[in-house]
Amino acid sequence: MLIQLDVENVAIIEKLNIPLFKGFNVLTGETGAGKSIIIDSLNALLGSRVSKELIRSGSDKAFVQGLFSNAGDLAELLESFGIEPQDDGNILISRVITESGKNICRVNGTMVTVSMLRDIGQRLVDIHGQYDNQSLLRTETHIELLDLFAGEKLAEEKRQYRILLDKLNELKSRLRSLSGEGKERERTMDMLRFQINEIESADLHAGEDEELRRQSKILSHSEEIVNAFSQAYQMIRGEDRDDQSALDKIGLSLDLIRKVEELDPEYKMISSSLEEIGEKLVDISREIRKIRDGTEYDPNLHKSIEERISLIQGLQRKYGETVTDVLTYLEDARKRLDEIERSEELILAIKKDIEDVEKDLHKKCEVMNRLRTEAAKELEKGILKELADLEMPRTQFLVSVVSCPEEGFTENGTDKVEFLFSPNAGEPLKPLSKIASGGEMSRCMLAIKTILADIDAIPTLVFDEIDTGVSGKAASRLGEKLKAVAGMHQVICITHHAQIASQADTHYLIEKKEQDGRMLTQIKLLDRKEREEEISRLLSGEHATETARKLARELLKQK
């Protein structure tokens, strides 16, 4: 529910902080006091389109903020938008509208787009006005309302149906991909054949590029390597040198120690170690000589290695960062080419799968149509009863459910659902959106909301002057229905009827006051005495009479 609404610099509102409560909240006030501006502000907060004209004269921006509670069922949606939940589970939404037209929207402090704000807002608040009962004006929502009324059995059928529909769409996508236009298909096959041939002709081996780079580096430094290993060999073996080599010096050292090794066991260990070192140096010198003699700069070999490296790098630029990636691409290309070449066989198999899935979908649609038709009759009875309670006893209301399989499968099956309406007996039924007046439309919506009160998931319902064109007796009934709906939802209602205002749990007065030569909107939460005065004003006009006050007290007692 909406806990608090803050509005700054919107039209004639300089600053309002409106705390709201559970149950039935009503807002009253003289025409032009700013009641509709509060609804405009709430619409802006929920992601509706706004104009910079909404900004209060003399200000460079408008600000609206709302704190909502009991938003646990929005956790998944918030997470998908990257919005962190608050510890208390509440949602804080704000929107800044600037003169440049830029909107700054935040949810729990995280910047969001207006579209994201709209997705969140439509799950928090449902707003209904005398001219724009969106849910009823949009025929596509009629099926949603009927399905909500039909309950879990239909919901489960829809879940299974949508799984099948996803499967059908996937199969059709694969079929389009395989079928393709002939020329495009040939171009794809030619490209794949070229790529496969290019990679295969290179005869790549995993890790080959690293080995080639190693060989190239050795060839590039061959002279340096030969010099280093030659000098090292000479130092160890002493070839062509008058100086003693490392091996000579170790031999002399060994001879000297052997002369005294019998004097102490430790000396024996030292002579053994020197002997081992000498043997190891001999082995090492052989390896050094082998590398020295085997290293020779071969310009032809170096050129061929560089060309091979260049070839591999060219393939890597096209098909992957490593040789392994290129080989993986080769396997994928072979599979894709094979699939296209076998496409006729695959196409036939996919077409058969599509046919089977469509049969299953038609069966599901038949079941959903039956469940909707049954639910439609019950919904009609309920709405007609509610409308009779709202002083519309001669109204005709029909929930039309028509199966249109020729139009294909939609998210809801093949059914078209539309609410048909006739305000008087004997007159033909016509689409509700084309025949009902603002007051009639509002009462139809209230009737539906009353029936769906315990299963409708939207926590807050806003009714903006839905009592327009409604008589006193009908207004009393309207108030009773709003009160009943408020038992399951938070209801916020703007009204001019005392019979409705008296039913509320919480009553706010919207007033327009002049301050420093400018008109400002103010809001006041009324106590019992103030409610009597405001309800008596609604009954008698600008100046409350004693008779009106007495009737106001009676209405409040009946609450």
Protein backbone atom coordinates (compact mmCIF):
# COMPACT_ATOMS: atom_id res chain seq x y z
CA MET A 1 0.00 0.00 0.00
CA LEU A 2 0.96 3.66 -0.35
CA ILE A 3 2.29 4.88 3.00
CA GLN A 4 3.24 8.43 2.04
CA LEU A 5 3.06 10.68 -0.99
CA ASP A 6 5.31 13.77 -1.20
CA VAL A 7 4.70 16.40 -3.88
CA GLU A 8 6.82 19.49 -4.53
CA ASN A 9 6.41 22.26 -7.13
CA VAL A 10 3.68 20.56 -9.13
CA ALA A 11 1.15 23.04 -10.63
CA ILE A 12 -0.23 25.04 -7.66
CA ILE A 13 1.24 22.64 -5.11
CA GLU A 14 4.38 24.08 -3.50
CA LYS A 15 4.91 21.26 -1.03
CA LEU A 16 2.62 18.53 0.28
CA ASN A 17 3.43 15.56 2.50
CA ILE A 18 0.46 13.20 2.57
CA PRO A 19 0.50 10.25 4.98
CA LEU A 20 -1.95 7.54 3.88
CA PHE A 21 -3.42 4.60 5.75
CA LYS A 22 -4.98 1.18 5.32
CA GLY A 23 -8.62 0.91 4.38
CA PHE A 24 -10.74 3.63 2.81
CA ASN A 25 -9.04 7.03 2.32
CA VAL A 26 -11.14 9.85 0.89
CA LEU A 27 -10.10 13.28 -0.42
CA THR A 28 -12.61 16.10 -0.77
CA GLY A 29 -12.39 19.80 -1.53
CA GLU A 30 -13.79 22.52 -3.70
CA THR A 31 -13.36 22.37 -7.47
CA GLY A 32 -9.93 23.67 -8.46
CA ALA A 33 -8.41 23.09 -5.04
CA GLY A 34 -5.85 20.67 -6.47
CA LYS A 35 -7.35 17.21 -6.01
CA SER A 36 -6.72 16.24 -9.63
CA ILE A 37 -3.13 17.54 -9.33
CA ILE A 38 -2.51 14.99 -6.59
CA ILE A 39 -3.74 12.24 -8.93
CA ASP A 40 -1.55 13.66 -11.73
CA SER A 41 1.41 13.54 -9.35
CA LEU A 42 0.66 9.93 -8.43
CA ASN A 43 0.35 9.04 -12.12
CA ALA A 44 3.74 10.65 -12.75
CA LEU A 45 5.24 8.65 -9.90
CA LEU A 46 3.92 5.45 -11.46
CA GLY A 47 5.52 6.10 -14.85
CA SER A 48 2.86 7.97 -16.82
CA ARG A 49 3.84 10.49 -19.45
CA VAL A 50 4.20 14.01 -18.08
CA SER A 51 4.76 17.44 -19.55
CA LYS A 52 7.09 20.11 -18.21
CA GLU A 53 3.91 22.20 -17.93
CA LEU A 54 3.31 20.24 -14.73
CA ILE A 55 6.17 22.19 -13.08
CA ARG A 56 5.02 25.00 -10.81
CA SER A 57 5.52 28.47 -12.23
CA GLY A 58 8.81 29.93 -11.04
CA SER A 59 10.40 26.54 -10.34
CA ASP A 60 12.90 24.70 -12.51
CA LYS A 61 11.80 21.20 -11.51
CA ALA A 62 8.98 19.20 -9.94
CA PHE A 63 9.46 16.36 -7.49
CA VAL A 64 7.19 13.45 -6.54
CA GLN A 65 8.02 10.67 -4.09
CA GLY A 66 6.06 7.73 -2.73
CA LEU A 67 6.78 5.14 -0.07
CA PHE A 68 5.06 1.80 -0.59
CA SER A 69 4.81 -1.11 1.83
CA ASN A 70 4.07 -4.82 1.45
CA ALA A 71 6.03 -5.10 -1.78
CA GLY A 72 7.42 -8.60 -1.24
CA ASP A 73 5.80 -9.96 -4.40
CA LEU A 74 7.84 -7.47 -6.43
CA ALA A 75 11.18 -8.92 -5.32
CA GLU A 76 11.79 -10.82 -8.57
CA LEU A 77 10.96 -7.82 -10.78
CA LEU A 78 13.16 -5.50 -8.71
CA GLU A 79 16.03 -7.97 -8.89
CA SER A 80 15.71 -8.16 -12.69
CA PHE A 81 16.11 -4.36 -12.77
CA GLY A 82 19.16 -4.50 -10.48
CA ILE A 83 17.32 -2.82 -7.60
CA GLU A 84 18.34 -3.78 -4.07
CA PRO A 85 15.42 -4.45 -1.69
CA GLN A 86 15.14 -2.44 1.51
CA ASP A 87 15.49 -4.28 4.82
CA ASP A 88 11.87 -3.52 5.74
CA GLY A 89 10.55 -4.69 2.36
CA ASN A 90 9.27 -1.22 1.47
CA ILE A 91 9.80 0.50 -1.87
CA LEU A 92 10.78 4.16 -2.16
CA ILE A 93 10.03 5.65 -5.58
CA SER A 94 10.89 9.18 -6.70
CA ARG A 95 10.71 11.14 -9.92
CA VAL A 96 12.11 14.55 -10.82
CA ILE A 97 10.69 16.39 -13.84
CA THR A 98 12.90 19.20 -15.17
CA GLU A 99 12.18 22.10 -17.50
CA SER A 100 14.50 20.55 -20.08
CA GLY A 101 12.19 17.55 -20.20
CA LYS A 102 14.69 15.26 -18.50
CA ASN A 103 13.27 12.80 -16.00
CA ILE A 104 15.28 11.40 -13.09
CA CYS A 105 13.60 8.30 -11.69
CA ARG A 106 14.81 6.27 -8.73
CA VAL A 107 13.61 3.15 -6.96
CA ASN A 108 15.26 2.45 -3.60
CA GLY A 109 17.94 4.92 -4.65
CA THR A 110 18.72 3.13 -7.93
CA MET A 111 18.30 5.07 -11.18
CA VAL A 112 15.65 3.51 -13.46
CA THR A 113 13.99 4.35 -16.76
CA VAL A 114 10.42 5.62 -17.02
CA SER A 115 9.51 2.31 -18.65
CA MET A 116 10.88 0.37 -15.68
CA LEU A 117 9.02 2.73 -13.35
CA ARG A 118 5.80 1.97 -15.24
CA ASP A 119 6.35 -1.79 -14.92
CA ILE A 120 6.78 -1.46 -11.17
CA GLY A 121 3.99 1.08 -10.73
CA GLN A 122 1.28 -0.96 -12.44
CA ARG A 123 1.81 -3.67 -9.83
CA LEU A 124 1.46 -1.24 -6.95
CA VAL A 125 -1.47 1.02 -7.85
CA ASP A 126 -4.51 0.83 -10.15
CA ILE A 127 -5.99 4.27 -10.91
CA HIS A 128 -9.55 4.71 -12.19
CA GLY A 129 -11.02 8.04 -13.22
CA GLN A 130 -14.33 9.12 -14.67
CA TYR A 131 -12.86 9.49 -18.15
CA ASP A 132 -9.98 7.07 -18.24
CA ASN A 133 -10.91 3.72 -16.72
CA GLN A 134 -7.99 2.22 -18.57
CA SER A 135 -8.71 -1.40 -17.69
CA LEU A 136 -12.20 -1.25 -19.17
CA LEU A 137 -11.40 0.99 -22.13
CA ARG A 138 -8.72 -1.43 -23.30
CA THR A 139 -10.49 -4.51 -24.63
CA GLU A 140 -7.32 -6.57 -24.27
CA THR A 141 -7.59 -6.30 -20.47
CA HIS A 142 -11.06 -7.87 -20.42
CA ILE A 143 -9.58 -11.35 -20.89
CA GLU A 144 -7.14 -10.67 -18.03
CA LEU A 145 -10.01 -9.72 -15.69
CA LEU A 146 -12.05 -12.78 -16.70
CA ASP A 147 -9.06 -15.11 -16.27
CA LEU A 148 -8.37 -13.64 -12.84
CA PHE A 149 -11.97 -14.38 -11.89
CA ALA A 150 -11.81 -17.91 -13.37
CA GLY A 151 -9.19 -18.91 -10.81
CA GLU A 152 -6.34 -21.39 -10.46
CA LYS A 153 -7.68 -24.12 -12.78
CA LEU A 154 -7.58 -21.80 -15.78
CA ALA A 155 -4.28 -20.30 -14.58
CA GLU A 156 -2.68 -23.76 -14.63
CA GLU A 157 -4.03 -24.44 -18.13
CA LYS A 158 -2.55 -21.11 -19.27
CA ARG A 159 0.84 -21.99 -17.79
CA GLN A 160 0.88 -25.30 -19.68
CA TYR A 161 -0.39 -23.57 -22.83
CA ARG A 162 2.39 -20.96 -22.71
CA ILE A 163 5.05 -23.66 -22.35
CA LEU A 164 3.69 -25.21 -25.55
CA LEU A 165 3.51 -21.79 -27.23
CA ASP A 166 7.17 -21.12 -26.41
CA LYS A 167 8.04 -24.50 -27.92
CA LEU A 168 6.04 -23.67 -31.06
CA ASN A 169 7.76 -20.30 -31.46
CA GLU A 170 11.18 -21.93 -31.06
CA LEU A 171 10.35 -24.56 -33.70
CA LYS A 172 9.10 -21.89 -36.11
CA SER A 173 12.26 -19.87 -35.57
CA ARG A 174 14.39 -22.92 -36.40
CA LEU A 175 12.25 -23.60 -39.46
CA ARG A 176 12.69 -20.02 -40.72
CA SER A 177 16.43 -20.29 -40.16
CA LEU A 178 16.67 -23.55 -42.12
CA SER A 179 14.25 -22.64 -44.88
CA GLY A 180 15.66 -19.22 -45.66
CA GLU A 181 15.74 -17.83 -49.16
CA GLY A 182 17.54 -20.03 -51.67
CA LYS A 183 20.22 -17.46 -52.54
CA GLU A 184 20.90 -16.64 -48.91
CA ARG A 185 21.13 -20.34 -48.10
CA GLU A 186 23.64 -20.88 -50.92
CA ARG A 187 25.68 -17.88 -49.79
CA THR A 188 25.83 -19.28 -46.28
CA MET A 189 26.91 -22.69 -47.55
CA ASP A 190 29.60 -21.16 -49.80
CA MET A 191 30.94 -19.12 -46.91
CA LEU A 192 31.05 -22.14 -44.60
CA ARG A 193 32.79 -24.28 -47.24
CA PHE A 194 35.41 -21.56 -47.77
CA GLN A 195 36.03 -21.24 -44.03
CA ILE A 196 36.28 -25.00 -43.54
CA ASN A 197 38.70 -25.36 -46.46
CA GLU A 198 40.82 -22.43 -45.26
CA ILE A 199 41.23 -23.91 -41.77
CA GLU A 200 41.62 -27.52 -42.91
CA SER A 201 44.31 -26.64 -45.46
CA ALA A 202 46.35 -25.05 -42.67
CA ASP A 203 46.52 -28.45 -40.93
CA LEU A 204 46.65 -26.87 -37.48
CA HIS A 205 47.67 -28.62 -34.28
CA ALA A 206 46.83 -27.49 -30.77
CA GLY A 207 49.76 -25.58 -29.23
CA GLU A 208 51.52 -25.29 -32.57
CA ASP A 209 51.64 -21.50 -32.48
CA GLU A 210 53.51 -21.49 -29.17
CA GLU A 211 56.11 -23.99 -30.47
CA LEU A 212 56.63 -21.97 -33.64
CA ARG A 213 57.18 -18.77 -31.69
CA ARG A 214 59.77 -20.61 -29.57
CA GLN A 215 61.63 -21.83 -32.68
CA SER A 216 61.51 -18.38 -34.26
CA LYS A 217 62.98 -16.81 -31.15
CA ILE A 218 65.88 -19.33 -31.15
CA LEU A 219 66.64 -18.72 -34.82
CA SER A 220 66.52 -14.97 -34.33
CA HIS A 221 69.16 -15.27 -31.59
CA SER A 222 71.18 -18.19 -33.03
CA GLU A 223 74.53 -16.34 -33.18
CA GLU A 224 74.14 -15.16 -29.59
CA ILE A 225 73.22 -18.70 -28.49
CA VAL A 226 76.24 -20.30 -30.26
CA ASN A 227 78.65 -17.77 -28.71
CA ALA A 228 77.23 -18.26 -25.22
CA PHE A 229 77.31 -22.05 -25.36
CA SER A 230 80.79 -22.13 -26.97
CA GLN A 231 82.27 -20.02 -24.20
CA ALA A 232 80.51 -22.07 -21.56
CA TYR A 233 81.86 -25.28 -23.08
CA GLN A 234 85.38 -23.95 -23.19
CA MET A 235 85.19 -22.90 -19.55
CA ILE A 236 84.06 -26.37 -18.51
CA ARG A 237 86.24 -28.51 -20.85
CA GLY A 238 89.06 -26.13 -21.66
CA GLU A 239 89.23 -26.72 -25.44
CA ASP A 240 91.96 -24.73 -27.22
CA ARG A 241 92.89 -22.92 -24.02
CA ASP A 242 96.11 -22.85 -22.01
CA ASP A 243 94.24 -22.07 -18.79
CA GLN A 244 92.90 -24.86 -16.68
CA SER A 245 89.24 -25.75 -17.26
CA ALA A 246 86.59 -26.20 -14.59
CA LEU A 247 86.95 -29.96 -14.95
CA ASP A 248 90.74 -29.70 -14.56
CA LYS A 249 90.40 -27.71 -11.37
CA ILE A 250 87.84 -30.13 -9.93
CA GLY A 251 90.22 -33.05 -10.82
CA LEU A 252 93.13 -31.37 -9.05
CA SER A 253 90.96 -30.59 -6.03
CA LEU A 254 89.84 -34.20 -5.92
CA ASP A 255 93.45 -35.48 -6.05
CA LEU A 256 94.46 -33.24 -3.14
CA ILE A 257 91.57 -34.30 -0.89
CA ARG A 258 91.99 -38.00 -1.68
CA LYS A 259 95.48 -37.82 -0.16
CA VAL A 260 93.99 -37.04 3.24
CA GLU A 261 90.51 -38.59 3.00
CA GLU A 262 91.45 -41.54 5.19
CA LEU A 263 92.00 -39.21 8.13
CA ASP A 264 88.33 -38.40 8.62
CA PRO A 265 85.03 -39.83 7.22
CA GLU A 266 83.85 -36.31 6.45
CA TYR A 267 86.78 -35.84 4.05
CA LYS A 268 85.69 -39.00 2.23
CA MET A 269 82.19 -37.49 1.74
CA ILE A 270 83.71 -34.33 0.29
CA SER A 271 85.83 -36.24 -2.20
CA SER A 272 82.74 -38.25 -3.24
CA SER A 273 80.78 -35.03 -3.79
CA LEU A 274 83.57 -33.56 -5.91
CA GLU A 275 83.62 -36.73 -7.97
CA GLU A 276 79.84 -36.45 -8.55
CA ILE A 277 80.19 -32.79 -9.52
CA GLY A 278 82.84 -33.71 -12.04
CA GLU A 279 80.62 -36.38 -13.56
CA LYS A 280 77.68 -33.96 -13.74
CA LEU A 281 79.84 -31.32 -15.39
CA VAL A 282 80.86 -33.88 -18.01
CA ASP A 283 77.17 -34.60 -18.71
CA ILE A 284 76.33 -30.91 -18.82
CA SER A 285 79.21 -30.19 -21.16
CA ARG A 286 77.91 -32.83 -23.56
CA GLU A 287 74.47 -31.11 -23.59
CA ILE A 288 76.10 -27.72 -24.10
CA ARG A 289 78.17 -29.04 -27.01
CA LYS A 290 75.06 -30.66 -28.51
CA ILE A 291 73.16 -27.36 -28.41
CA ARG A 292 76.21 -25.44 -29.72
CA ASP A 293 76.78 -27.79 -32.61
CA GLY A 294 73.06 -28.12 -33.36
CA THR A 295 72.36 -24.40 -33.45
CA GLU A 296 72.78 -22.89 -36.86
CA TYR A 297 70.95 -20.00 -38.45
CA ASP A 298 68.92 -21.23 -41.42
CA PRO A 299 67.31 -18.27 -43.22
CA ASN A 300 65.00 -20.54 -45.23
CA LEU A 301 63.78 -22.32 -42.11
CA HIS A 302 63.33 -19.00 -40.31
CA LYS A 303 61.30 -17.63 -43.23
CA SER A 304 59.05 -20.70 -43.38
CA ILE A 305 58.40 -20.51 -39.63
CA GLU A 306 57.51 -16.80 -39.82
CA GLU A 307 55.17 -17.49 -42.76
CA ARG A 308 53.51 -20.27 -40.75
CA ILE A 309 53.11 -17.96 -37.77
CA SER A 310 51.61 -15.28 -40.04
CA LEU A 311 49.16 -17.81 -41.50
CA ILE A 312 48.05 -18.93 -38.04
CA GLN A 313 47.68 -15.33 -36.83
CA GLY A 314 45.49 -14.57 -39.85
CA LEU A 315 43.23 -17.51 -38.97
CA GLN A 316 43.15 -16.42 -35.33
CA ARG A 317 42.02 -12.92 -36.31
CA LYS A 318 39.11 -14.47 -38.21
CA TYR A 319 38.11 -17.44 -36.11
CA GLY A 320 39.46 -17.24 -32.55
CA GLU A 321 42.18 -16.05 -30.23
CA THR A 322 44.00 -19.39 -30.00
CA VAL A 323 44.62 -22.36 -32.28
CA THR A 324 42.22 -24.32 -30.07
CA ASP A 325 39.54 -21.66 -30.68
CA VAL A 326 40.13 -21.88 -34.45
CA LEU A 327 39.80 -25.68 -34.35
CA THR A 328 36.58 -25.32 -32.32
CA TYR A 329 35.24 -22.91 -34.94
CA LEU A 330 36.10 -25.50 -37.60
CA GLU A 331 34.01 -28.15 -35.85
CA ASP A 332 31.08 -25.74 -35.46
CA ALA A 333 31.28 -24.75 -39.13
CA ARG A 334 31.27 -28.41 -40.18
CA LYS A 335 28.17 -29.01 -38.04
CA ARG A 336 26.39 -25.94 -39.42
CA LEU A 337 27.19 -26.92 -43.00
CA ASP A 338 26.04 -30.47 -42.34
CA GLU A 339 22.80 -29.20 -40.81
CA ILE A 340 22.07 -26.96 -43.79
CA GLU A 341 22.91 -29.74 -46.23
CA ARG A 342 20.57 -32.00 -44.31
CA SER A 343 18.02 -29.19 -43.97
CA GLU A 344 15.36 -30.84 -46.11
CA GLU A 345 15.32 -33.78 -43.76
CA LEU A 346 15.34 -31.48 -40.72
CA ILE A 347 12.65 -29.24 -42.19
CA LEU A 348 10.31 -32.20 -42.57
CA ALA A 349 11.02 -33.29 -38.99
CA ILE A 350 10.45 -29.78 -37.60
CA LYS A 351 7.23 -29.37 -39.59
CA LYS A 352 5.98 -32.60 -38.05
CA ASP A 353 6.91 -31.33 -34.58
CA ILE A 354 5.08 -28.05 -35.29
CA GLU A 355 1.99 -29.95 -36.38
CA ASP A 356 2.04 -32.02 -33.18
CA VAL A 357 2.52 -28.98 -30.92
CA GLU A 358 -0.27 -27.08 -32.70
CA LYS A 359 -2.64 -30.00 -32.09
CA ASP A 360 -1.76 -29.87 -28.38
CA LEU A 361 -2.26 -26.10 -28.36
CA HIS A 362 -5.71 -26.39 -29.96
CA LYS A 363 -6.69 -28.90 -27.26
CA LYS A 364 -5.52 -26.49 -24.57
CA CYS A 365 -7.44 -23.66 -26.24
CA GLU A 366 -10.62 -25.74 -26.21
CA VAL A 367 -10.19 -26.40 -22.49
CA MET A 368 -9.49 -22.70 -21.78
CA ASN A 369 -12.49 -21.65 -23.87
CA ARG A 370 -14.75 -23.97 -21.86
CA LEU A 371 -13.40 -22.68 -18.55
CA ARG A 372 -13.74 -19.06 -19.68
CA THR A 373 -17.28 -19.58 -20.93
CA GLU A 374 -18.27 -21.09 -17.58
CA ALA A 375 -16.53 -18.30 -15.65
CA ALA A 376 -18.08 -15.62 -17.91
CA LYS A 377 -21.60 -16.67 -16.90
CA GLU A 378 -20.72 -16.47 -13.22
CA LEU A 379 -18.97 -13.12 -13.69
CA GLU A 380 -22.01 -11.72 -15.54
CA LYS A 381 -24.31 -12.73 -12.67
CA GLY A 382 -21.99 -11.17 -10.11
CA ILE A 383 -21.57 -7.91 -12.01
CA LEU A 384 -25.31 -7.56 -12.68
CA LYS A 385 -25.99 -8.05 -8.97
CA GLU A 386 -23.38 -5.46 -8.03
CA LEU A 387 -24.71 -3.01 -10.64
CA ALA A 388 -28.23 -3.47 -9.32
CA ASP A 389 -26.91 -2.57 -5.86
CA LEU A 390 -25.42 0.55 -7.47
CA GLU A 391 -28.84 1.68 -8.75
CA MET A 392 -28.41 0.21 -12.24
CA PRO A 393 -31.09 -2.53 -12.07
CA ARG A 394 -32.09 -2.45 -15.75
CA THR A 395 -28.55 -2.72 -17.05
CA GLN A 396 -27.58 -5.62 -19.28
CA PHE A 397 -24.01 -6.89 -19.07
CA LEU A 398 -22.51 -9.72 -21.11
CA VAL A 399 -19.03 -11.22 -21.08
CA SER A 400 -18.51 -12.29 -24.69
CA VAL A 401 -16.11 -15.20 -25.19
CA VAL A 402 -15.44 -16.04 -28.84
CA SER A 403 -12.92 -18.58 -30.11
CA CYS A 404 -10.97 -17.30 -33.14
CA PRO A 405 -8.50 -20.07 -34.06
CA GLU A 406 -8.14 -18.67 -37.56
CA GLU A 407 -6.34 -15.64 -36.09
CA GLY A 408 -3.59 -17.79 -34.62
CA PHE A 409 -2.29 -18.41 -31.14
CA THR A 410 -1.78 -15.51 -28.74
CA GLU A 411 -0.42 -15.51 -25.19
CA ASN A 412 -3.97 -16.14 -23.96
CA GLY A 413 -5.00 -18.75 -26.51
CA THR A 414 -7.42 -18.19 -29.38
CA ASP A 415 -10.23 -16.58 -27.38
CA LYS A 416 -11.40 -12.99 -27.70
CA VAL A 417 -13.12 -11.61 -24.62
CA GLU A 418 -15.11 -8.39 -24.58
CA PHE A 419 -17.48 -6.81 -22.09
CA LEU A 420 -20.78 -5.83 -23.74
CA PHE A 421 -23.13 -3.35 -22.10
CA SER A 422 -26.59 -1.89 -22.42
CA PRO A 423 -27.79 0.69 -19.88
CA ASN A 424 -31.46 -0.14 -20.45
CA ALA A 425 -33.46 -3.30 -21.03
CA GLY A 426 -34.45 -3.82 -24.64
CA GLU A 427 -31.51 -1.90 -26.07
CA PRO A 428 -28.87 -3.88 -27.98
CA LEU A 429 -25.67 -4.86 -26.23
CA LYS A 430 -22.63 -2.94 -27.46
CA PRO A 431 -18.97 -2.76 -26.45
CA LEU A 432 -18.72 -1.23 -22.99
CA SER A 433 -16.05 1.25 -24.08
CA LYS A 434 -18.31 2.70 -26.79
CA ILE A 435 -21.62 3.08 -25.01
CA ALA A 436 -21.17 3.53 -21.25
CA SER A 437 -20.99 7.01 -19.72
CA GLY A 438 -18.20 7.97 -17.33
CA GLY A 439 -20.34 7.21 -14.28
CA GLU A 440 -21.60 3.92 -15.71
CA MET A 441 -18.09 2.86 -16.64
CA SER A 442 -16.84 3.66 -13.14
CA ARG A 443 -19.62 1.67 -11.53
CA CYS A 444 -18.86 -1.28 -13.82
CA MET A 445 -15.23 -1.13 -12.76
CA LEU A 446 -16.20 -0.92 -9.10
CA ALA A 447 -18.52 -3.91 -9.56
CA ILE A 448 -15.64 -5.91 -11.04
CA LYS A 449 -13.23 -4.77 -8.33
CA THR A 450 -15.77 -5.77 -5.67
CA ILE A 451 -16.05 -9.28 -7.13
CA LEU A 452 -12.27 -9.62 -7.55
CA ALA A 453 -11.40 -7.94 -4.25
CA ASP A 454 -10.00 -11.06 -2.59
CA ILE A 455 -7.90 -12.22 -5.58
CA ASP A 456 -6.78 -8.97 -7.23
CA ALA A 457 -3.05 -8.64 -6.48
CA ILE A 458 -2.77 -4.84 -6.83
CA PRO A 459 -2.62 -3.48 -3.26
CA THR A 460 -3.80 0.11 -3.85
CA LEU A 461 -6.83 1.25 -5.84
CA VAL A 462 -7.41 4.92 -6.66
CA PHE A 463 -10.84 6.16 -7.76
CA ASP A 464 -10.85 9.71 -9.12
CA GLU A 465 -14.35 11.24 -9.03
CA ILE A 466 -16.03 8.03 -10.18
CA ASP A 467 -19.26 9.34 -8.62
CA THR A 468 -19.80 11.87 -11.42
CA GLY A 469 -23.38 11.62 -12.64
CA VAL A 470 -24.40 9.44 -9.70
CA SER A 471 -27.49 10.22 -7.59
CA GLY A 472 -27.56 10.39 -3.81
CA LYS A 473 -28.92 6.87 -3.32
CA ALA A 474 -26.50 5.42 -5.84
CA ALA A 475 -23.69 7.37 -4.18
CA SER A 476 -24.53 5.69 -0.86
CA ARG A 477 -24.33 2.31 -2.53
CA LEU A 478 -21.10 3.36 -4.21
CA GLY A 479 -19.66 4.28 -0.84
CA GLU A 480 -20.66 0.92 0.61
CA LYS A 481 -18.95 -0.91 -2.26
CA LEU A 482 -15.80 1.17 -1.90
CA LYS A 483 -15.83 0.41 1.82
CA ALA A 484 -16.17 -3.31 1.07
CA VAL A 485 -13.29 -3.26 -1.42
CA ALA A 486 -11.22 -1.37 1.17
CA GLY A 487 -11.44 -4.45 3.36
CA MET A 488 -9.03 -6.19 0.96
CA HIS A 489 -7.18 -3.24 -0.61
CA GLN A 490 -6.09 0.24 0.26
CA VAL A 491 -8.64 2.53 -1.43
CA ILE A 492 -7.98 6.20 -2.19
CA CYS A 493 -11.01 8.07 -3.53
CA ILE A 494 -11.61 11.65 -4.65
CA THR A 495 -15.29 12.46 -4.32
CA HIS A 496 -17.86 15.27 -4.22
CA HIS A 497 -20.47 13.10 -2.51
CA ALA A 498 -21.11 13.25 1.21
CA GLN A 499 -22.58 9.74 1.10
CA ILE A 500 -19.21 8.40 -0.11
CA ALA A 501 -16.99 10.60 2.06
CA SER A 502 -18.87 9.56 5.20
CA GLN A 503 -18.00 5.90 4.59
CA ALA A 504 -14.24 6.52 4.68
CA ASP A 505 -11.87 5.45 7.43
CA THR A 506 -9.64 8.47 6.80
CA HIS A 507 -10.75 11.84 5.41
CA TYR A 508 -8.51 14.55 3.90
CA LEU A 509 -9.56 18.07 2.93
CA ILE A 510 -7.83 19.68 -0.06
CA GLU A 511 -7.93 23.48 0.07
CA LYS A 512 -6.61 26.31 -2.06
CA LYS A 513 -5.18 29.27 -0.14
CA GLU A 514 -3.58 32.53 -1.27
CA GLN A 515 -0.09 33.24 0.04
CA ASP A 516 2.11 36.14 -1.04
CA GLY A 517 -0.13 36.74 -4.02
CA ARG A 518 0.02 33.12 -5.20
CA MET A 519 -2.45 30.27 -4.87
CA LEU A 520 -1.23 27.21 -2.96
CA THR A 521 -2.79 23.81 -2.39
CA GLN A 522 -2.90 22.55 1.19
CA ILE A 523 -4.08 19.25 2.65
CA LYS A 524 -5.47 18.52 6.08
CA LEU A 525 -6.28 15.23 7.81
CA LEU A 526 -9.68 15.85 9.39
CA ASP A 527 -10.78 14.89 12.88
CA ARG A 528 -14.36 13.89 13.68
CA LYS A 529 -15.66 17.45 14.15
CA GLU A 530 -13.92 18.68 11.01
CA ARG A 531 -15.36 15.76 9.06
CA GLU A 532 -18.87 16.75 10.13
CA GLU A 533 -18.25 20.27 8.85
CA GLU A 534 -16.80 19.11 5.51
CA ILE A 535 -19.55 16.53 4.91
CA SER A 536 -22.20 19.14 5.71
CA ARG A 537 -20.54 21.44 3.13
CA LEU A 538 -20.73 18.64 0.57
CA LEU A 539 -24.44 18.27 1.38
CA SER A 540 -25.46 21.93 1.34
CA GLY A 541 -22.90 23.76 -0.75
CA GLU A 542 -20.43 26.49 0.13
CA HIS A 543 -22.00 27.34 3.49
CA ALA A 544 -23.02 24.46 5.72
CA THR A 545 -26.49 24.66 7.31
CA GLU A 546 -27.53 23.22 10.63
CA THR A 547 -29.75 20.73 8.82
CA ALA A 548 -26.76 19.62 6.77
CA ARG A 549 -24.65 19.28 9.92
CA LYS A 550 -27.30 17.09 11.52
CA LEU A 551 -27.44 14.88 8.43
CA ALA A 552 -23.63 14.74 8.34
CA ARG A 553 -23.59 13.46 11.92
CA GLU A 554 -26.16 10.82 10.99
CA LEU A 555 -24.11 9.70 7.99
CA LEU A 556 -20.99 9.37 10.12
CA LYS A 557 -22.89 7.33 12.70
CA GLN A 558 -23.94 4.89 9.97
CA LYS A 559 -20.31 4.43 8.93
